[in-house]
Amino acid sequence: MLHFPDWRGGYQGLLAEWLADVGVDVAFADYVGALLPLVRNLRRHRCEILHLHWIAEVSGADERNPLKYVLKQLVFRLDVILASLLTRGRIVWTVHNLTSHENRHPRGDLAARRFLARRAASLIAHSPSARALISRTYGTPPERILLVPHGHYLDRYENAVGRRESRRRLGLDDDAFVFLFFGSLRPYKGVEDLVAAFERRPEPHARLVIAGPASDARYLETIRARASAERVLLRPGFVDDKDVQVFFNAADVVVLPFRDVLTSASVILAMSFARMVVAPRLGCIPDYVHPDGGILYDPQAPGALAAALARAVETDAIACGRRNLERVREFEWSDAAARTARLYATLTAPAAAS
């Protein structure tokens, strides 16, 4: 089974490990930037099934140059057609996001995704809400969209550093109420919206921690310019795996103010560290977070994020986090691997191959 692209540091790597436990060998793509990368990888690895994940890099969705964008769109369609012929139609696509996050060419991006959806044997969604959105957006019949839950991160990161020590390492007071944004700093994640909403909060003991690599230097400077040095702790850059626990265990609440989202590994990660979640009611998030595990707000309502932060301060964050931890234990990687393996077996059965 060929997984494309090779982003195995998180979701893909864990899924591959659990697939190996049920006897499924996964190969990862080598050639992403080459011409016809799907076909090249299929020929190199000689796999029966092509399992796609993120496609923006090869579909041209994030291409700035107009001419290169048009060429990439055409080549992507040809690549999908040839890959379908090589695999005898055995293409699987896990839809992690409905559109490209940068969304430089929204109409073309949607057209490319609908093209792929029509030619894939099966699509995979991570929750019932996501399946409904995928079906409505791409025009794919629900019966062609398999529900495979996103696994938890309970065993992925160390979790031995307690609250007091975590706060000491970050220079935070024990009595502070700490909001955390954790993840890559990109415009669609609404980090500057969070800073603006937080700066309006009057609580003198409230602190906001922002941790993660920035998409570009200018965006980082935009965030830095809007954040007060006294109340906002900005830690840009990659966070080592062993230090992930420090940020989550120092926090009372994890805030993920996405402007647009379908699937969020960050929400799963926060729940895996038993943290209360403040996030918009979008995509998979309502299906993930325990009904009493956080505050989900309407992202279209003016002032909704600021109001959610105010409510969070008055909420029993520890109890919310415990409920989320209980909920996330249900998201077993063994289940995700078993469902995926059954799909592969169905596609490679003699009746399917004929």
Protein backbone atom coordinates (compact mmCIF):
# COMPACT_ATOMS: atom_id res chain seq x y z
CA MET A 1 0.00 0.00 0.00
CA LEU A 2 1.51 3.32 -1.05
CA HIS A 3 0.76 6.31 1.18
CA PHE A 4 1.22 9.74 -0.39
CA PRO A 5 2.82 12.09 0.58
CA ASP A 6 5.36 11.05 3.23
CA TRP A 7 4.35 13.03 6.32
CA ARG A 8 4.80 10.17 8.72
CA GLY A 9 5.81 12.26 11.74
CA GLY A 10 2.25 12.24 13.09
CA TYR A 11 -0.97 10.71 11.83
CA GLN A 12 0.49 8.75 8.93
CA GLY A 13 3.28 7.22 10.99
CA LEU A 14 0.96 6.01 13.73
CA LEU A 15 -1.53 4.60 11.24
CA ALA A 16 1.27 2.74 9.44
CA GLU A 17 2.52 1.26 12.72
CA TRP A 18 -0.91 -0.08 13.59
CA LEU A 19 -1.50 -1.32 10.05
CA ALA A 20 1.73 -3.31 10.34
CA ASP A 21 0.28 -4.99 13.44
CA VAL A 22 -2.58 -6.35 11.34
CA GLY A 23 -0.30 -7.50 8.55
CA VAL A 24 -0.48 -4.53 6.18
CA ASP A 25 2.83 -3.19 4.85
CA VAL A 26 2.88 0.52 4.03
CA ALA A 27 5.34 2.19 1.67
CA PHE A 28 5.75 5.97 1.65
CA ALA A 29 6.18 8.15 -1.42
CA ASP A 30 9.66 9.29 -2.43
CA TYR A 31 9.04 11.61 -5.37
CA VAL A 32 6.69 14.43 -4.52
CA GLY A 33 8.12 17.27 -6.59
CA ALA A 34 8.76 15.21 -9.73
CA LEU A 35 6.58 15.17 -12.85
CA LEU A 36 3.70 12.67 -12.42
CA PRO A 37 4.69 11.82 -8.83
CA LEU A 38 1.80 9.40 -8.27
CA VAL A 39 2.73 7.26 -11.26
CA ARG A 40 6.46 7.44 -10.50
CA ASN A 41 5.92 6.25 -6.94
CA LEU A 42 3.55 3.48 -7.95
CA ARG A 43 6.07 2.15 -10.43
CA ARG A 44 8.92 2.39 -7.95
CA HIS A 45 7.13 0.69 -5.05
CA ARG A 46 4.92 -1.69 -7.09
CA CYS A 47 1.92 -1.23 -4.78
CA GLU A 48 -1.62 -2.44 -5.41
CA ILE A 49 -3.33 0.49 -3.71
CA LEU A 50 -2.59 4.22 -3.74
CA HIS A 51 -3.70 5.87 -0.49
CA LEU A 52 -3.67 9.66 -0.77
CA HIS A 53 -3.73 12.05 2.16
CA TRP A 54 -2.77 15.70 1.50
CA ILE A 55 -2.80 16.74 -2.15
CA ALA A 56 -2.25 20.53 -2.24
CA GLU A 57 1.44 20.18 -3.05
CA VAL A 58 0.80 18.13 -6.20
CA SER A 59 -2.54 19.59 -7.30
CA GLY A 60 -1.17 23.13 -7.59
CA ALA A 61 -3.55 24.57 -5.00
CA ASP A 62 -0.80 26.51 -3.22
CA GLU A 63 1.14 27.56 -6.34
CA ARG A 64 1.71 31.32 -6.53
CA ASN A 65 2.77 31.48 -10.18
CA PRO A 66 -0.38 31.49 -12.41
CA LEU A 67 1.25 29.58 -15.27
CA LYS A 68 2.70 26.93 -12.98
CA TYR A 69 -0.68 26.62 -11.29
CA VAL A 70 -2.46 25.83 -14.57
CA LEU A 71 0.23 23.33 -15.57
CA LYS A 72 0.12 21.60 -12.18
CA GLN A 73 -3.66 21.32 -12.38
CA LEU A 74 -3.45 19.63 -15.78
CA VAL A 75 -0.59 17.33 -14.77
CA PHE A 76 -2.40 16.38 -11.55
CA ARG A 77 -5.46 15.23 -13.48
CA LEU A 78 -3.30 13.20 -15.87
CA ASP A 79 -1.42 11.73 -12.91
CA VAL A 80 -4.67 10.64 -11.24
CA ILE A 81 -5.97 9.05 -14.45
CA LEU A 82 -2.74 7.10 -15.01
CA ALA A 83 -2.55 6.10 -11.33
CA SER A 84 -6.10 4.79 -11.56
CA LEU A 85 -5.12 2.67 -14.56
CA LEU A 86 -2.00 1.33 -12.82
CA THR A 87 -3.92 0.38 -9.67
CA ARG A 88 -7.03 -0.82 -11.55
CA GLY A 89 -9.04 1.88 -9.79
CA ARG A 90 -7.72 1.17 -6.31
CA ILE A 91 -7.29 4.75 -5.08
CA VAL A 92 -8.18 5.65 -1.49
CA TRP A 93 -8.24 9.26 -0.28
CA THR A 94 -8.34 10.30 3.36
CA VAL A 95 -9.83 13.80 3.27
CA HIS A 96 -8.06 15.73 6.01
CA ASN A 97 -9.30 19.13 4.79
CA LEU A 98 -12.01 20.17 2.34
CA THR A 99 -9.86 22.79 0.60
CA SER A 100 -6.28 23.96 0.64
CA HIS A 101 -5.58 25.98 3.78
CA GLU A 102 -3.88 28.81 1.86
CA ASN A 103 -6.72 28.66 -0.69
CA ARG A 104 -4.96 30.74 -3.36
CA HIS A 105 -7.10 29.24 -6.15
CA PRO A 106 -10.40 28.24 -4.48
CA ARG A 107 -12.35 27.36 -7.63
CA GLY A 108 -9.51 25.37 -9.18
CA ASP A 109 -8.72 23.64 -5.89
CA LEU A 110 -12.32 22.53 -5.45
CA ALA A 111 -12.49 21.33 -9.06
CA ALA A 112 -9.32 19.25 -8.60
CA ARG A 113 -10.66 17.72 -5.41
CA ARG A 114 -13.97 16.83 -7.02
CA PHE A 115 -12.06 15.29 -9.93
CA LEU A 116 -10.10 13.08 -7.53
CA ALA A 117 -13.20 12.22 -5.49
CA ARG A 118 -14.97 10.92 -8.61
CA ARG A 119 -12.04 8.65 -9.48
CA ALA A 120 -11.23 7.31 -6.03
CA ALA A 121 -12.62 3.92 -5.08
CA SER A 122 -13.27 5.17 -1.56
CA LEU A 123 -12.88 8.31 0.50
CA ILE A 124 -12.16 8.27 4.23
CA ALA A 125 -13.62 10.73 6.75
CA HIS A 126 -12.68 11.05 10.41
CA SER A 127 -16.15 11.74 11.82
CA PRO A 128 -19.85 11.72 10.86
CA SER A 129 -19.88 15.51 10.47
CA ALA A 130 -16.84 15.34 8.21
CA ARG A 131 -18.46 12.64 6.09
CA ALA A 132 -21.54 14.80 5.58
CA LEU A 133 -19.43 17.84 4.65
CA ILE A 134 -17.32 15.82 2.21
CA SER A 135 -20.40 14.34 0.56
CA ARG A 136 -22.04 17.75 0.21
CA THR A 137 -18.90 19.56 -1.00
CA TYR A 138 -17.61 16.99 -3.49
CA GLY A 139 -20.91 15.41 -4.51
CA THR A 140 -19.72 12.00 -3.34
CA PRO A 141 -22.40 9.49 -2.26
CA PRO A 142 -22.11 8.84 1.50
CA GLU A 143 -21.81 5.09 0.92
CA ARG A 144 -18.46 5.72 -0.82
CA ILE A 145 -17.09 7.55 2.22
CA LEU A 146 -15.76 5.24 4.93
CA LEU A 147 -15.78 6.46 8.53
CA VAL A 148 -12.38 5.87 10.15
CA PRO A 149 -11.84 7.69 13.48
CA HIS A 150 -8.67 9.69 14.08
CA GLY A 151 -6.58 7.93 16.71
CA HIS A 152 -5.51 9.50 20.01
CA TYR A 153 -2.03 10.61 21.12
CA LEU A 154 -2.06 9.06 24.59
CA ASP A 155 1.08 7.02 23.98
CA ARG A 156 2.77 9.31 21.46
CA TYR A 157 4.33 11.90 23.79
CA GLU A 158 5.96 11.76 27.20
CA ASN A 159 3.71 12.94 30.03
CA ALA A 160 5.75 12.96 33.22
CA VAL A 161 6.34 16.66 33.90
CA GLY A 162 3.69 18.08 36.23
CA ARG A 163 1.88 21.41 36.22
CA ARG A 164 4.15 23.24 38.67
CA GLU A 165 7.39 22.21 36.94
CA SER A 166 5.94 22.92 33.50
CA ARG A 167 5.03 26.45 34.55
CA ARG A 168 8.44 26.98 36.12
CA ARG A 169 10.12 26.04 32.84
CA LEU A 170 7.95 28.50 30.92
CA GLY A 171 8.23 31.28 33.50
CA LEU A 172 4.52 31.23 34.39
CA ASP A 173 3.12 31.90 37.87
CA ASP A 174 1.36 29.07 39.70
CA ASP A 175 -1.80 31.14 40.14
CA ALA A 176 -2.05 32.29 36.51
CA PHE A 177 -4.92 31.14 34.32
CA VAL A 178 -3.15 29.92 31.21
CA PHE A 179 -4.60 29.68 27.71
CA LEU A 180 -2.53 27.73 25.17
CA PHE A 181 -2.43 27.77 21.41
CA PHE A 182 -0.23 24.93 20.16
CA GLY A 183 0.53 24.15 16.54
CA SER A 184 1.84 25.70 13.36
CA LEU A 185 1.21 29.43 13.12
CA ARG A 186 -0.74 29.89 9.90
CA PRO A 187 -3.43 32.44 8.94
CA TYR A 188 -6.27 29.90 8.71
CA LYS A 189 -5.70 28.96 12.35
CA GLY A 190 -6.76 32.43 13.48
CA VAL A 191 -3.87 33.10 15.86
CA GLU A 192 -4.10 36.87 15.44
CA ASP A 193 -7.84 36.64 16.17
CA LEU A 194 -6.98 34.87 19.42
CA VAL A 195 -4.44 37.51 20.38
CA ALA A 196 -6.96 40.29 19.72
CA ALA A 197 -9.68 38.54 21.75
CA PHE A 198 -7.30 37.78 24.61
CA GLU A 199 -5.98 41.33 24.82
CA ARG A 200 -9.53 42.48 25.54
CA ARG A 201 -9.73 40.25 28.63
CA PRO A 202 -9.47 42.26 31.87
CA GLU A 203 -8.26 39.39 34.12
CA PRO A 204 -4.79 40.42 35.35
CA HIS A 205 -3.81 36.82 36.11
CA ALA A 206 -4.66 35.48 32.63
CA ARG A 207 -1.81 34.49 30.32
CA LEU A 208 -1.71 33.30 26.71
CA VAL A 209 1.00 30.95 25.48
CA ILE A 210 1.51 30.57 21.72
CA ALA A 211 3.85 27.78 20.65
CA GLY A 212 4.71 26.39 17.23
CA PRO A 213 6.52 27.11 13.97
CA ALA A 214 5.35 30.04 11.86
CA SER A 215 4.39 29.63 8.21
CA ASP A 216 6.54 32.64 7.31
CA ALA A 217 8.46 35.43 9.01
CA ARG A 218 5.98 38.16 8.10
CA TYR A 219 3.08 36.32 9.66
CA LEU A 220 5.10 35.78 12.82
CA GLU A 221 5.85 39.50 13.00
CA THR A 222 2.12 40.24 12.61
CA ILE A 223 1.41 38.11 15.66
CA ARG A 224 4.33 39.54 17.60
CA ALA A 225 3.22 43.12 16.91
CA ARG A 226 -0.27 42.46 18.27
CA ALA A 227 0.75 40.56 21.40
CA SER A 228 1.65 42.38 24.61
CA ALA A 229 4.93 41.22 26.09
CA GLU A 230 3.46 41.26 29.61
CA ARG A 231 0.59 38.82 29.09
CA VAL A 232 1.43 36.81 25.96
CA LEU A 233 4.27 34.30 25.89
CA LEU A 234 5.27 33.69 22.27
CA ARG A 235 7.43 30.62 21.65
CA PRO A 236 7.80 30.36 17.87
CA GLY A 237 9.63 27.42 16.34
CA PHE A 238 9.58 23.66 16.37
CA VAL A 239 8.76 22.06 19.73
CA ASP A 240 10.73 18.91 20.50
CA ASP A 241 8.59 15.84 21.23
CA LYS A 242 9.83 15.65 24.83
CA ASP A 243 8.76 19.26 25.45
CA VAL A 244 5.19 18.97 24.14
CA GLN A 245 4.08 17.87 27.60
CA VAL A 246 5.49 21.05 29.15
CA PHE A 247 3.19 23.32 27.17
CA PHE A 248 0.04 21.26 27.64
CA ASN A 249 0.59 20.52 31.32
CA ALA A 250 1.23 24.21 32.01
CA ALA A 251 -2.11 25.15 30.45
CA ASP A 252 -5.59 25.36 31.92
CA VAL A 253 -7.33 25.59 28.55
CA VAL A 254 -6.28 24.91 24.96
CA VAL A 255 -7.69 27.42 22.47
CA LEU A 256 -7.79 26.55 18.76
CA PRO A 257 -9.56 29.45 16.99
CA PHE A 258 -9.62 28.03 13.45
CA ARG A 259 -11.19 30.11 10.72
CA ASP A 260 -11.63 26.95 8.68
CA VAL A 261 -11.10 23.30 9.63
CA LEU A 262 -12.30 19.80 8.82
CA THR A 263 -10.09 17.49 10.88
CA SER A 264 -7.95 18.73 13.77
CA ALA A 265 -5.15 16.66 15.23
CA SER A 266 -4.54 19.55 17.65
CA VAL A 267 -7.92 18.97 19.28
CA ILE A 268 -7.13 15.26 19.66
CA LEU A 269 -3.75 16.16 21.15
CA ALA A 270 -5.30 18.56 23.69
CA MET A 271 -7.81 15.91 24.74
CA SER A 272 -5.00 13.35 25.04
CA PHE A 273 -3.38 15.65 27.61
CA ALA A 274 -6.71 15.98 29.48
CA ARG A 275 -7.23 19.62 28.62
CA MET A 276 -10.38 21.67 28.23
CA VAL A 277 -10.86 22.89 24.65
CA VAL A 278 -12.14 26.21 23.32
CA ALA A 279 -12.73 26.01 19.57
CA PRO A 280 -15.23 26.90 16.84
CA ARG A 281 -18.12 24.58 16.08
CA LEU A 282 -16.66 23.47 12.75
CA GLY A 283 -15.83 20.22 10.97
CA CYS A 284 -14.99 17.27 13.17
CA ILE A 285 -14.60 19.31 16.35
CA PRO A 286 -18.17 18.83 17.69
CA ASP A 287 -17.79 15.09 17.12
CA TYR A 288 -14.48 14.96 19.00
CA VAL A 289 -14.86 17.14 22.08
CA HIS A 290 -16.93 15.77 24.97
CA PRO A 291 -20.26 17.66 25.26
CA ASP A 292 -19.04 18.96 28.64
CA GLY A 293 -15.37 19.07 27.71
CA GLY A 294 -15.08 22.63 26.51
CA ILE A 295 -16.70 25.62 24.86
CA LEU A 296 -17.54 25.47 21.16
CA TYR A 297 -18.56 28.81 19.69
CA ASP A 298 -20.09 30.08 16.46
CA PRO A 299 -17.14 31.47 14.43
CA GLN A 300 -19.50 33.77 12.49
CA ALA A 301 -20.88 35.48 15.59
CA PRO A 302 -19.17 38.79 16.44
CA GLY A 303 -17.26 38.60 19.72
CA ALA A 304 -17.88 34.86 20.12
CA LEU A 305 -14.23 33.97 20.70
CA ALA A 306 -13.76 36.66 23.35
CA ALA A 307 -16.96 35.54 25.07
CA ALA A 308 -15.75 31.93 25.02
CA LEU A 309 -12.48 32.95 26.69
CA ALA A 310 -14.45 34.77 29.39
CA ARG A 311 -16.62 31.71 30.02
CA ALA A 312 -13.57 29.47 30.16
CA VAL A 313 -12.13 31.40 33.10
CA GLU A 314 -15.33 30.67 35.06
CA THR A 315 -15.48 26.98 34.07
CA ASP A 316 -14.05 23.97 35.90
CA ALA A 317 -11.27 23.35 33.40
CA ILE A 318 -9.93 20.29 35.23
CA ALA A 319 -13.30 18.52 35.10
CA CYS A 320 -13.67 19.39 31.41
CA GLY A 321 -10.22 18.00 30.70
CA ARG A 322 -10.99 14.75 32.48
CA ARG A 323 -14.11 14.29 30.38
CA ASN A 324 -12.10 14.88 27.22
CA LEU A 325 -9.51 12.34 28.32
CA GLU A 326 -12.26 9.79 28.92
CA ARG A 327 -13.71 10.55 25.49
CA VAL A 328 -10.42 10.38 23.59
CA ARG A 329 -9.62 6.93 24.96
CA GLU A 330 -12.36 5.69 22.61
CA PHE A 331 -10.36 6.84 19.57
CA GLU A 332 -8.24 3.70 19.27
CA TRP A 333 -5.60 3.33 16.58
CA SER A 334 -6.34 -0.38 16.50
CA ASP A 335 -9.88 0.44 15.34
CA ALA A 336 -8.62 2.89 12.70
CA ALA A 337 -6.13 0.33 11.40
CA ALA A 338 -8.69 -2.48 11.34
CA ARG A 339 -11.20 -0.42 9.35
CA THR A 340 -8.52 0.71 6.91
CA ALA A 341 -7.20 -2.84 6.48
CA ARG A 342 -10.72 -4.13 5.77
CA LEU A 343 -11.10 -1.49 3.07
CA TYR A 344 -7.81 -2.54 1.49
CA ALA A 345 -8.88 -6.19 1.59
CA THR A 346 -12.18 -5.34 -0.09
CA LEU A 347 -10.42 -3.46 -2.88
CA THR A 348 -7.94 -6.26 -3.55
CA ALA A 349 -10.47 -9.10 -3.40
CA PRO A 350 -10.87 -11.00 -6.70
CA ALA A 351 -14.39 -9.63 -7.28
CA ALA A 352 -13.18 -6.04 -6.82
CA ALA A 353 -10.18 -6.55 -9.08
CA SER A 354 -12.13 -8.08 -11.94
